[in-house]
Amino acid sequence: MKKSARETLQLAVERLFVRVHSDLLRQIKSQGEYDKSLTEIRFEEGNQNHQKLVALCKEKVGFKPLATSQDIFYSIMKVYEEYLIKEAAKYDRGRRPF
């Protein structure tokens, strides 16, 4: 993925999907056991939540001509995971007595 496309997707995930559609991301995360990483989640054509997330991305971000549904889904989950790690690090820094 090109840098500009990745940056656009990252901003979209952080601003739109995490804030507005976080319930959808939580539903996808809770659908299975993914101990190590959200990127272990494989795109399922028949999964309504997966389809909804990809459709939202195509509609709101405009990634339709750039990638397959599977690529879009995987990219969103990867960026979401990075966002969660970044937020956890902020929280951890705030708790330390430095």
C-alpha atoms as a PDB file:
ATOM      1  CA  MET A   1       0.000   0.000   0.000  1.00  0.00           C
ATOM      2  CA  LYS A   2       1.348   3.418  -0.920  1.00  0.00           C
ATOM      3  CA  LYS A   3       2.258   5.763   1.923  1.00  0.00           C
ATOM      4  CA  SER A   4      -0.451   8.321   1.125  1.00  0.00           C
ATOM      5  CA  ALA A   5      -3.150   5.637   0.894  1.00  0.00           C
ATOM      6  CA  ARG A   6      -1.972   4.120   4.180  1.00  0.00           C
ATOM      7  CA  GLU A   7      -1.995   7.526   5.894  1.00  0.00           C
ATOM      8  CA  THR A   8      -5.516   8.204   4.611  1.00  0.00           C
ATOM      9  CA  LEU A   9      -6.682   4.803   5.829  1.00  0.00           C
ATOM     10  CA  GLN A  10      -5.007   5.304   9.204  1.00  0.00           C
ATOM     11  CA  LEU A  11      -6.725   8.657   9.706  1.00  0.00           C
ATOM     12  CA  ALA A  12     -10.050   7.207   8.566  1.00  0.00           C
ATOM     13  CA  VAL A  13      -9.777   4.286  10.957  1.00  0.00           C
ATOM     14  CA  GLU A  14      -8.780   6.481  13.884  1.00  0.00           C
ATOM     15  CA  ARG A  15     -11.312   9.239  13.225  1.00  0.00           C
ATOM     16  CA  LEU A  16     -14.252   7.431  11.681  1.00  0.00           C
ATOM     17  CA  PHE A  17     -14.189   3.740  12.481  1.00  0.00           C
ATOM     18  CA  VAL A  18     -12.836   3.882  16.024  1.00  0.00           C
ATOM     19  CA  ARG A  19     -14.986   6.799  17.133  1.00  0.00           C
ATOM     20  CA  VAL A  20     -18.160   6.185  15.144  1.00  0.00           C
ATOM     21  CA  HIS A  21     -18.150   2.439  14.427  1.00  0.00           C
ATOM     22  CA  SER A  22     -16.169   1.071  17.374  1.00  0.00           C
ATOM     23  CA  ASP A  23     -19.066  -1.262  18.200  1.00  0.00           C
ATOM     24  CA  LEU A  24     -18.632  -2.942  14.811  1.00  0.00           C
ATOM     25  CA  LEU A  25     -14.892  -3.384  15.375  1.00  0.00           C
ATOM     26  CA  ARG A  26     -15.550  -4.829  18.852  1.00  0.00           C
ATOM     27  CA  GLN A  27     -18.107  -7.252  17.384  1.00  0.00           C
ATOM     28  CA  ILE A  28     -15.592  -8.451  14.809  1.00  0.00           C
ATOM     29  CA  LYS A  29     -12.915  -8.840  17.486  1.00  0.00           C
ATOM     30  CA  SER A  30     -15.258 -10.821  19.740  1.00  0.00           C
ATOM     31  CA  GLN A  31     -16.379 -13.230  17.000  1.00  0.00           C
ATOM     32  CA  GLY A  32     -13.448 -15.552  17.583  1.00  0.00           C
ATOM     33  CA  GLU A  33     -10.369 -16.222  19.624  1.00  0.00           C
ATOM     34  CA  TYR A  34      -7.506 -14.071  18.442  1.00  0.00           C
ATOM     35  CA  ASP A  35      -4.888 -14.296  21.147  1.00  0.00           C
ATOM     36  CA  LYS A  36      -1.949 -12.737  19.365  1.00  0.00           C
ATOM     37  CA  SER A  37      -3.203 -10.199  16.897  1.00  0.00           C
ATOM     38  CA  LEU A  38      -6.268  -8.735  15.246  1.00  0.00           C
ATOM     39  CA  THR A  39      -4.517  -9.326  11.950  1.00  0.00           C
ATOM     40  CA  GLU A  40      -5.105 -13.063  12.506  1.00  0.00           C
ATOM     41  CA  ILE A  41      -8.739 -12.421  11.669  1.00  0.00           C
ATOM     42  CA  ARG A  42      -9.354 -13.657   8.138  1.00  0.00           C
ATOM     43  CA  PHE A  43     -11.886 -11.937   5.904  1.00  0.00           C
ATOM     44  CA  GLU A  44     -15.028 -14.014   5.431  1.00  0.00           C
ATOM     45  CA  GLU A  45     -17.241 -13.206   2.446  1.00  0.00           C
ATOM     46  CA  GLY A  46     -20.328 -14.471   4.286  1.00  0.00           C
ATOM     47  CA  ASN A  47     -19.706 -12.561   7.524  1.00  0.00           C
ATOM     48  CA  GLN A  48     -22.100  -9.617   7.712  1.00  0.00           C
ATOM     49  CA  ASN A  49     -19.853  -7.581  10.028  1.00  0.00           C
ATOM     50  CA  HIS A  50     -16.848  -8.045   7.748  1.00  0.00           C
ATOM     51  CA  GLN A  51     -18.903  -6.976   4.734  1.00  0.00           C
ATOM     52  CA  LYS A  52     -20.293  -3.964   6.612  1.00  0.00           C
ATOM     53  CA  LEU A  53     -16.794  -2.779   7.588  1.00  0.00           C
ATOM     54  CA  VAL A  54     -15.503  -3.098   4.013  1.00  0.00           C
ATOM     55  CA  ALA A  55     -18.593  -1.351   2.612  1.00  0.00           C
ATOM     56  CA  LEU A  56     -18.151   1.531   5.067  1.00  0.00           C
ATOM     57  CA  CYS A  57     -14.531   1.887   4.027  1.00  0.00           C
ATOM     58  CA  LYS A  58     -15.396   1.892   0.342  1.00  0.00           C
ATOM     59  CA  GLU A  59     -18.189   4.400   0.899  1.00  0.00           C
ATOM     60  CA  LYS A  60     -16.511   6.772   3.353  1.00  0.00           C
ATOM     61  CA  VAL A  61     -12.842   6.539   2.360  1.00  0.00           C
ATOM     62  CA  GLY A  62     -13.108   5.705  -1.319  1.00  0.00           C
ATOM     63  CA  PHE A  63     -10.827   2.662  -1.461  1.00  0.00           C
ATOM     64  CA  LYS A  64     -13.056   0.759  -3.887  1.00  0.00           C
ATOM     65  CA  PRO A  65     -10.791   0.938  -6.957  1.00  0.00           C
ATOM     66  CA  LEU A  66      -7.573   0.408  -5.002  1.00  0.00           C
ATOM     67  CA  ALA A  67      -7.974  -2.938  -3.273  1.00  0.00           C
ATOM     68  CA  THR A  68      -9.966  -6.132  -2.880  1.00  0.00           C
ATOM     69  CA  SER A  69     -12.392  -6.543   0.004  1.00  0.00           C
ATOM     70  CA  GLN A  70      -9.915  -8.858   1.711  1.00  0.00           C
ATOM     71  CA  ASP A  71      -7.114  -6.283   1.385  1.00  0.00           C
ATOM     72  CA  ILE A  72      -9.328  -3.520   2.748  1.00  0.00           C
ATOM     73  CA  PHE A  73     -10.459  -5.642   5.696  1.00  0.00           C
ATOM     74  CA  TYR A  74      -6.920  -6.728   6.572  1.00  0.00           C
ATOM     75  CA  SER A  75      -5.628  -3.143   6.328  1.00  0.00           C
ATOM     76  CA  ILE A  76      -8.381  -1.817   8.597  1.00  0.00           C
ATOM     77  CA  MET A  77      -7.732  -4.507  11.212  1.00  0.00           C
ATOM     78  CA  LYS A  78      -3.985  -3.834  11.097  1.00  0.00           C
ATOM     79  CA  VAL A  79      -4.433  -0.084  11.519  1.00  0.00           C
ATOM     80  CA  TYR A  80      -7.011  -0.673  14.278  1.00  0.00           C
ATOM     81  CA  GLU A  81      -4.571  -2.915  16.112  1.00  0.00           C
ATOM     82  CA  GLU A  82      -1.831  -0.275  15.821  1.00  0.00           C
ATOM     83  CA  TYR A  83      -4.293   2.309  17.146  1.00  0.00           C
ATOM     84  CA  LEU A  84      -5.127   0.126  20.162  1.00  0.00           C
ATOM     85  CA  ILE A  85      -1.426  -0.384  20.902  1.00  0.00           C
ATOM     86  CA  LYS A  86      -0.797   3.365  20.647  1.00  0.00           C
ATOM     87  CA  GLU A  87      -3.709   4.144  22.965  1.00  0.00           C
ATOM     88  CA  ALA A  88      -2.564   1.516  25.480  1.00  0.00           C
ATOM     89  CA  ALA A  89       0.924   3.055  25.476  1.00  0.00           C
ATOM     90  CA  LYS A  90      -0.565   6.494  26.211  1.00  0.00           C
ATOM     91  CA  TYR A  91      -2.527   4.999  29.102  1.00  0.00           C
ATOM     92  CA  ASP A  92       0.535   3.179  30.471  1.00  0.00           C
ATOM     93  CA  ARG A  93       2.655   6.333  30.312  1.00  0.00           C
ATOM     94  CA  GLY A  94      -0.029   8.211  32.226  1.00  0.00           C
ATOM     95  CA  ARG A  95       0.005   5.679  35.059  1.00  0.00           C
ATOM     96  CA  ARG A  96       3.753   5.670  35.663  1.00  0.00           C
ATOM     97  CA  PRO A  97       5.000   7.896  38.484  1.00  0.00           C
ATOM     98  CA  PHE A  98       7.753   9.575  36.421  1.00  0.00           C
END
